[in-house]
PDB file of all heavy atoms in Angstrom:
ATOM      1  N   PHE A   1       0.766  -1.201  -0.001  1.00  0.00           N
ATOM      2  CA  PHE A   1      -0.008   0.007   0.010  1.00  0.00           C
ATOM      3  C   PHE A   1       0.830   1.303  -0.008  1.00  0.00           C
ATOM      4  O   PHE A   1       0.549   2.205  -0.761  1.00  0.00           O
ATOM      5  CB  PHE A   1      -0.938   0.012   1.231  1.00  0.00           C
ATOM      6  CG  PHE A   1      -1.773  -1.224   1.329  1.00  0.00           C
ATOM      7  CD1 PHE A   1      -1.633  -2.074   2.449  1.00  0.00           C
ATOM      8  CD2 PHE A   1      -2.688  -1.543   0.369  1.00  0.00           C
ATOM      9  CE1 PHE A   1      -2.379  -3.210   2.552  1.00  0.00           C
ATOM     10  CE2 PHE A   1      -3.471  -2.708   0.478  1.00  0.00           C
ATOM     11  CZ  PHE A   1      -3.307  -3.551   1.571  1.00  0.00           C
ATOM     12  N   HIS A   2       1.835   1.353   0.805  1.00  0.00           N
ATOM     13  CA  HIS A   2       2.668   2.592   0.965  1.00  0.00           C
ATOM     14  C   HIS A   2       3.572   2.783  -0.239  1.00  0.00           C
ATOM     15  O   HIS A   2       3.567   3.818  -0.915  1.00  0.00           O
ATOM     16  CB  HIS A   2       3.455   2.488   2.252  1.00  0.00           C
ATOM     17  CG  HIS A   2       4.069   3.772   2.720  1.00  0.00           C
ATOM     18  ND1 HIS A   2       5.262   4.287   2.152  1.00  0.00           N
ATOM     19  CD2 HIS A   2       3.768   4.654   3.715  1.00  0.00           C
ATOM     20  CE1 HIS A   2       5.593   5.376   2.768  1.00  0.00           C
ATOM     21  NE2 HIS A   2       4.704   5.651   3.721  1.00  0.00           N
ATOM     22  N   GLN A   3       4.387   1.767  -0.563  1.00  0.00           N
ATOM     23  CA  GLN A   3       5.361   1.899  -1.636  1.00  0.00           C
ATOM     24  C   GLN A   3       4.706   2.120  -3.007  1.00  0.00           C
ATOM     25  O   GLN A   3       5.159   2.985  -3.754  1.00  0.00           O
ATOM     26  CB  GLN A   3       6.249   0.660  -1.667  1.00  0.00           C
ATOM     27  CG  GLN A   3       7.475   0.806  -2.564  1.00  0.00           C
ATOM     28  CD  GLN A   3       8.439   1.872  -2.050  1.00  0.00           C
ATOM     29  OE1 GLN A   3       8.723   1.914  -0.871  1.00  0.00           O
ATOM     30  NE2 GLN A   3       8.900   2.750  -2.932  1.00  0.00           N
ATOM     31  N   PRO A   4       3.622   1.385  -3.344  1.00  0.00           N
ATOM     32  CA  PRO A   4       2.999   1.635  -4.647  1.00  0.00           C
ATOM     33  C   PRO A   4       2.507   3.073  -4.825  1.00  0.00           C
ATOM     34  O   PRO A   4       2.568   3.625  -5.926  1.00  0.00           O
ATOM     35  CB  PRO A   4       1.849   0.637  -4.716  1.00  0.00           C
ATOM     36  CG  PRO A   4       2.298  -0.469  -3.798  1.00  0.00           C
ATOM     37  CD  PRO A   4       3.021   0.215  -2.689  1.00  0.00           C
ATOM     38  N   TYR A   5       2.004   3.651  -3.750  1.00  0.00           N
ATOM     39  CA  TYR A   5       1.535   5.035  -3.833  1.00  0.00           C
ATOM     40  C   TYR A   5       2.649   5.988  -4.145  1.00  0.00           C
ATOM     41  O   TYR A   5       2.567   6.792  -5.078  1.00  0.00           O
ATOM     42  CB  TYR A   5       0.872   5.407  -2.485  1.00  0.00           C
ATOM     43  CG  TYR A   5       0.443   6.863  -2.404  1.00  0.00           C
ATOM     44  CD1 TYR A   5      -0.628   7.308  -3.189  1.00  0.00           C
ATOM     45  CD2 TYR A   5       1.068   7.744  -1.533  1.00  0.00           C
ATOM     46  CE1 TYR A   5      -1.039   8.634  -3.104  1.00  0.00           C
ATOM     47  CE2 TYR A   5       0.628   9.045  -1.435  1.00  0.00           C
ATOM     48  CZ  TYR A   5      -0.403   9.478  -2.241  1.00  0.00           C
ATOM     49  OH  TYR A   5      -0.829  10.797  -2.144  1.00  0.00           O
ATOM     50  N   HIS A   6       3.760   5.878  -3.433  1.00  0.00           N
ATOM     51  CA  HIS A   6       4.879   6.751  -3.709  1.00  0.00           C
ATOM     52  C   HIS A   6       5.575   6.448  -5.023  1.00  0.00           C
ATOM     53  O   HIS A   6       6.067   7.342  -5.709  1.00  0.00           O
ATOM     54  CB  HIS A   6       5.855   6.731  -2.508  1.00  0.00           C
ATOM     55  CG  HIS A   6       5.289   7.431  -1.310  1.00  0.00           C
ATOM     56  ND1 HIS A   6       5.261   8.804  -1.211  1.00  0.00           N
ATOM     57  CD2 HIS A   6       4.675   6.941  -0.195  1.00  0.00           C
ATOM     58  CE1 HIS A   6       4.658   9.138  -0.077  1.00  0.00           C
ATOM     59  NE2 HIS A   6       4.299   8.047   0.553  1.00  0.00           N
ATOM     60  N   ASP A   7       5.578   5.180  -5.399  1.00  0.00           N
ATOM     61  CA  ASP A   7       6.133   4.817  -6.721  1.00  0.00           C
ATOM     62  C   ASP A   7       5.316   5.479  -7.828  1.00  0.00           C
ATOM     63  O   ASP A   7       5.897   5.920  -8.849  1.00  0.00           O
ATOM     64  CB  ASP A   7       6.121   3.309  -6.926  1.00  0.00           C
ATOM     65  CG  ASP A   7       7.196   2.576  -6.122  1.00  0.00           C
ATOM     66  OD1 ASP A   7       8.093   3.288  -5.574  1.00  0.00           O
ATOM     67  OD2 ASP A   7       7.146   1.338  -6.046  1.00  0.00           O
ATOM     68  N   ALA A   8       3.999   5.555  -7.667  1.00  0.00           N
ATOM     69  CA  ALA A   8       3.156   6.173  -8.671  1.00  0.00           C
ATOM     70  C   ALA A   8       3.433   7.671  -8.801  1.00  0.00           C
ATOM     71  O   ALA A   8       3.453   8.191  -9.914  1.00  0.00           O
ATOM     72  CB  ALA A   8       1.680   5.915  -8.380  1.00  0.00           C
ATOM     73  N   ILE A   9       3.612   8.331  -7.658  1.00  0.00           N
ATOM     74  CA  ILE A   9       3.958   9.757  -7.719  1.00  0.00           C
ATOM     75  C   ILE A   9       5.308   9.951  -8.387  1.00  0.00           C
ATOM     76  O   ILE A   9       5.482  10.836  -9.249  1.00  0.00           O
ATOM     77  CB  ILE A   9       3.992  10.367  -6.302  1.00  0.00           C
ATOM     78  CG1 ILE A   9       2.617  10.230  -5.632  1.00  0.00           C
ATOM     79  CG2 ILE A   9       4.416  11.834  -6.341  1.00  0.00           C
ATOM     80  CD1 ILE A   9       2.609  10.666  -4.165  1.00  0.00           C
ATOM     81  N   THR A  10       6.288   9.125  -8.033  1.00  0.00           N
ATOM     82  CA  THR A  10       7.612   9.210  -8.629  1.00  0.00           C
ATOM     83  C   THR A  10       7.545   9.010 -10.135  1.00  0.00           C
ATOM     84  O   THR A  10       8.163   9.749 -10.904  1.00  0.00           O
ATOM     85  CB  THR A  10       8.558   8.168  -8.008  1.00  0.00           C
ATOM     86  OG1 THR A  10       8.735   8.479  -6.605  1.00  0.00           O
ATOM     87  CG2 THR A  10       9.903   8.142  -8.675  1.00  0.00           C
ATOM     88  N   ALA A  11       6.814   7.996 -10.562  1.00  0.00           N
ATOM     89  CA  ALA A  11       6.715   7.706 -11.991  1.00  0.00           C
ATOM     90  C   ALA A  11       6.074   8.849 -12.774  1.00  0.00           C
ATOM     91  O   ALA A  11       6.530   9.217 -13.873  1.00  0.00           O
ATOM     92  CB  ALA A  11       5.924   6.405 -12.195  1.00  0.00           C
ATOM     93  N   LEU A  12       5.022   9.439 -12.184  1.00  0.00           N
ATOM     94  CA  LEU A  12       4.363  10.549 -12.868  1.00  0.00           C
ATOM     95  C   LEU A  12       5.286  11.741 -12.969  1.00  0.00           C
ATOM     96  O   LEU A  12       5.418  12.368 -14.035  1.00  0.00           O
ATOM     97  CB  LEU A  12       3.091  10.936 -12.085  1.00  0.00           C
ATOM     98  CG  LEU A  12       2.342  12.160 -12.602  1.00  0.00           C
ATOM     99  CD1 LEU A  12       1.820  11.916 -14.014  1.00  0.00           C
ATOM    100  CD2 LEU A  12       1.206  12.481 -11.664  1.00  0.00           C
ATOM    101  N   LEU A  13       5.964  12.093 -11.895  1.00  0.00           N
ATOM    102  CA  LEU A  13       6.886  13.231 -11.912  1.00  0.00           C
ATOM    103  C   LEU A  13       8.101  12.980 -12.823  1.00  0.00           C
ATOM    104  O   LEU A  13       8.550  13.880 -13.509  1.00  0.00           O
ATOM    105  CB  LEU A  13       7.314  13.608 -10.505  1.00  0.00           C
ATOM    106  CG  LEU A  13       6.214  14.131  -9.598  1.00  0.00           C
ATOM    107  CD1 LEU A  13       6.727  14.283  -8.150  1.00  0.00           C
ATOM    108  CD2 LEU A  13       5.694  15.487 -10.101  1.00  0.00           C
ATOM    109  N   ASP A  14       8.562  11.731 -12.825  1.00  0.00           N
ATOM    110  CA  ASP A  14       9.677  11.380 -13.751  1.00  0.00           C
ATOM    111  C   ASP A  14       9.248  11.586 -15.193  1.00  0.00           C
ATOM    112  O   ASP A  14      10.025  12.117 -16.021  1.00  0.00           O
ATOM    113  CB  ASP A  14      10.097   9.937 -13.535  1.00  0.00           C
ATOM    114  CG  ASP A  14      10.966   9.700 -12.315  1.00  0.00           C
ATOM    115  OD1 ASP A  14      11.416  10.720 -11.732  1.00  0.00           O
ATOM    116  OD2 ASP A  14      11.175   8.541 -11.979  1.00  0.00           O
ATOM    117  N   ALA A  15       8.040  11.141 -15.539  1.00  0.00           N
ATOM    118  CA  ALA A  15       7.575  11.258 -16.908  1.00  0.00           C
ATOM    119  C   ALA A  15       7.428  12.722 -17.316  1.00  0.00           C
ATOM    120  O   ALA A  15       7.780  13.097 -18.437  1.00  0.00           O
ATOM    121  CB  ALA A  15       6.241  10.508 -17.066  1.00  0.00           C
ATOM    122  N   ARG A  16       6.913  13.538 -16.407  1.00  0.00           N
ATOM    123  CA  ARG A  16       6.741  14.937 -16.736  1.00  0.00           C
ATOM    124  C   ARG A  16       8.120  15.612 -16.872  1.00  0.00           C
ATOM    125  O   ARG A  16       8.303  16.440 -17.771  1.00  0.00           O
ATOM    126  CB  ARG A  16       5.915  15.594 -15.619  1.00  0.00           C
ATOM    127  CG  ARG A  16       4.445  15.174 -15.625  1.00  0.00           C
ATOM    128  CD  ARG A  16       3.721  15.675 -14.390  1.00  0.00           C
ATOM    129  NE  ARG A  16       3.662  17.131 -14.324  1.00  0.00           N
ATOM    130  CZ  ARG A  16       2.639  17.868 -14.853  1.00  0.00           C
ATOM    131  NH1 ARG A  16       1.643  17.275 -15.485  1.00  0.00           N
ATOM    132  NH2 ARG A  16       2.668  19.156 -14.724  1.00  0.00           N
ATOM    133  N   ALA A  17       9.046  15.275 -16.015  1.00  0.00           N
ATOM    134  CA  ALA A  17      10.394  15.843 -16.140  1.00  0.00           C
ATOM    135  C   ALA A  17      11.049  15.456 -17.459  1.00  0.00           C
ATOM    136  O   ALA A  17      11.692  16.285 -18.118  1.00  0.00           O
ATOM    137  CB  ALA A  17      11.257  15.409 -14.956  1.00  0.00           C
ATOM    138  N   ALA A  18      10.869  14.206 -17.845  1.00  0.00           N
ATOM    139  CA  ALA A  18      11.466  13.748 -19.122  1.00  0.00           C
ATOM    140  C   ALA A  18      10.876  14.451 -20.304  1.00  0.00           C
ATOM    141  O   ALA A  18      11.573  14.637 -21.322  1.00  0.00           O
ATOM    142  CB  ALA A  18      11.280  12.224 -19.233  1.00  0.00           C
ATOM    143  N   ALA A  19       9.612  14.859 -20.160  1.00  0.00           N
ATOM    144  CA  ALA A  19       8.920  15.573 -21.250  1.00  0.00           C
ATOM    145  C   ALA A  19       9.163  17.086 -21.170  1.00  0.00           C
ATOM    146  O   ALA A  19       8.609  17.829 -21.989  1.00  0.00           O
ATOM    147  CB  ALA A  19       7.423  15.290 -21.206  1.00  0.00           C
ATOM    148  N   GLY A  20       9.929  17.532 -20.206  1.00  0.00           N
ATOM    149  CA  GLY A  20      10.217  18.968 -20.043  1.00  0.00           C
ATOM    150  C   GLY A  20       9.025  19.725 -19.529  1.00  0.00           C
ATOM    151  O   GLY A  20       8.911  20.940 -19.748  1.00  0.00           O
ATOM    152  N   GLN A  21       8.139  19.035 -18.780  1.00  0.00           N
ATOM    153  CA  GLN A  21       6.895  19.647 -18.315  1.00  0.00           C
ATOM    154  C   GLN A  21       7.092  20.153 -16.870  1.00  0.00           C
ATOM    155  O   GLN A  21       7.623  19.469 -15.994  1.00  0.00           O
ATOM    156  CB  GLN A  21       5.767  18.632 -18.338  1.00  0.00           C
ATOM    157  CG  GLN A  21       4.391  19.206 -18.166  1.00  0.00           C
ATOM    158  CD  GLN A  21       3.288  18.172 -18.477  1.00  0.00           C
ATOM    159  OE1 GLN A  21       3.593  17.022 -18.769  1.00  0.00           O
ATOM    160  NE2 GLN A  21       2.053  18.565 -18.429  1.00  0.00           N
ATOM    161  N   GLU A  22       6.693  21.389 -16.628  1.00  0.00           N
ATOM    162  CA  GLU A  22       6.749  21.966 -15.281  1.00  0.00           C
ATOM    163  C   GLU A  22       5.843  21.194 -14.323  1.00  0.00           C
ATOM    164  O   GLU A  22       4.731  20.811 -14.714  1.00  0.00           O
ATOM    165  CB  GLU A  22       6.323  23.449 -15.343  1.00  0.00           C
ATOM    166  CG  GLU A  22       6.297  24.151 -13.995  1.00  0.00           C
ATOM    167  CD  GLU A  22       5.678  25.534 -14.056  1.00  0.00           C
ATOM    168  OE1 GLU A  22       5.209  25.920 -15.167  1.00  0.00           O
ATOM    169  OE2 GLU A  22       5.669  26.196 -13.018  1.00  0.00           O
ATOM    170  N   SER A  23       6.262  21.053 -13.086  1.00  0.00           N
ATOM    171  CA  SER A  23       5.454  20.394 -12.063  1.00  0.00           C
ATOM    172  C   SER A  23       5.512  21.170 -10.763  1.00  0.00           C
ATOM    173  O   SER A  23       6.605  21.465 -10.252  1.00  0.00           O
ATOM    174  CB  SER A  23       5.932  18.963 -11.807  1.00  0.00           C
ATOM    175  OG  SER A  23       5.676  18.112 -12.904  1.00  0.00           O
ATOM    176  N   ILE A  24       4.360  21.500 -10.250  1.00  0.00           N
ATOM    177  CA  ILE A  24       4.181  22.107  -8.921  1.00  0.00           C
ATOM    178  C   ILE A  24       3.355  21.122  -8.121  1.00  0.00           C
ATOM    179  O   ILE A  24       2.208  20.816  -8.499  1.00  0.00           O
ATOM    180  CB  ILE A  24       3.480  23.492  -8.975  1.00  0.00           C
ATOM    181  CG1 ILE A  24       4.317  24.461  -9.809  1.00  0.00           C
ATOM    182  CG2 ILE A  24       3.230  24.032  -7.574  1.00  0.00           C
ATOM    183  CD1 ILE A  24       3.601  25.773 -10.081  1.00  0.00           C
ATOM    184  N   LEU A  25       3.909  20.606  -7.048  1.00  0.00           N
ATOM    185  CA  LEU A  25       3.236  19.585  -6.253  1.00  0.00           C
ATOM    186  C   LEU A  25       2.231  20.214  -5.268  1.00  0.00           C
ATOM    187  O   LEU A  25       2.591  21.072  -4.510  1.00  0.00           O
ATOM    188  CB  LEU A  25       4.249  18.758  -5.510  1.00  0.00           C
ATOM    189  CG  LEU A  25       3.695  17.509  -4.762  1.00  0.00           C
ATOM    190  CD1 LEU A  25       3.256  16.444  -5.736  1.00  0.00           C
ATOM    191  CD2 LEU A  25       4.728  16.984  -3.791  1.00  0.00           C
ATOM    192  N   VAL A  26       0.992  19.720  -5.315  1.00  0.00           N
ATOM    193  CA  VAL A  26      -0.063  20.233  -4.428  1.00  0.00           C
ATOM    194  C   VAL A  26      -0.656  19.050  -3.685  1.00  0.00           C
ATOM    195  O   VAL A  26      -1.317  18.197  -4.258  1.00  0.00           O
ATOM    196  CB  VAL A  26      -1.152  20.970  -5.221  1.00  0.00           C
ATOM    197  CG1 VAL A  26      -2.230  21.507  -4.275  1.00  0.00           C
ATOM    198  CG2 VAL A  26      -0.557  22.122  -6.044  1.00  0.00           C
ATOM    199  N   CYS A  27      -0.423  18.999  -2.374  1.00  0.00           N
ATOM    200  CA  CYS A  27      -0.913  17.922  -1.501  1.00  0.00           C
ATOM    201  C   CYS A  27      -2.224  18.369  -0.871  1.00  0.00           C
ATOM    202  O   CYS A  27      -2.228  19.397  -0.135  1.00  0.00           O
ATOM    203  CB  CYS A  27       0.099  17.556  -0.440  1.00  0.00           C
ATOM    204  SG  CYS A  27       1.744  17.186  -1.073  1.00  0.00           S
ATOM    205  N   VAL A  28      -3.324  17.667  -1.132  1.00  0.00           N
ATOM    206  CA  VAL A  28      -4.643  18.113  -0.682  1.00  0.00           C
ATOM    207  C   VAL A  28      -5.107  17.255   0.507  1.00  0.00           C
ATOM    208  O   VAL A  28      -5.208  16.030   0.395  1.00  0.00           O
ATOM    209  CB  VAL A  28      -5.683  18.033  -1.817  1.00  0.00           C
ATOM    210  CG1 VAL A  28      -7.027  18.592  -1.347  1.00  0.00           C
ATOM    211  CG2 VAL A  28      -5.167  18.833  -3.041  1.00  0.00           C
ATOM    212  N   HIS A  29      -5.416  17.931   1.607  1.00  0.00           N
ATOM    213  CA  HIS A  29      -5.883  17.252   2.834  1.00  0.00           C
ATOM    214  C   HIS A  29      -7.077  18.007   3.390  1.00  0.00           C
ATOM    215  O   HIS A  29      -7.383  19.128   2.963  1.00  0.00           O
ATOM    216  CB  HIS A  29      -4.757  17.282   3.886  1.00  0.00           C
ATOM    217  CG  HIS A  29      -3.600  16.392   3.542  1.00  0.00           C
ATOM    218  ND1 HIS A  29      -3.382  15.183   4.153  1.00  0.00           N
ATOM    219  CD2 HIS A  29      -2.570  16.593   2.712  1.00  0.00           C
ATOM    220  CE1 HIS A  29      -2.290  14.646   3.695  1.00  0.00           C
ATOM    221  NE2 HIS A  29      -1.770  15.470   2.797  1.00  0.00           N
ATOM    222  N   SER A  30      -7.738  17.379   4.392  1.00  0.00           N
ATOM    223  CA  SER A  30      -8.732  18.084   5.169  1.00  0.00           C
ATOM    224  C   SER A  30      -8.480  17.785   6.658  1.00  0.00           C
ATOM    225  O   SER A  30      -7.787  16.805   6.992  1.00  0.00           O
ATOM    226  CB  SER A  30     -10.168  17.702   4.775  1.00  0.00           C
ATOM    227  OG  SER A  30     -10.484  16.367   5.196  1.00  0.00           O
TER     228      SER A  30
END
């Protein structure tokens, strides 16, 4: 449960970086 979640964030940010896409991380909580 924990590792797959963080792996998914890493993979998404890696893909955006490889594409030269800007990323601003927004963590949403209540």
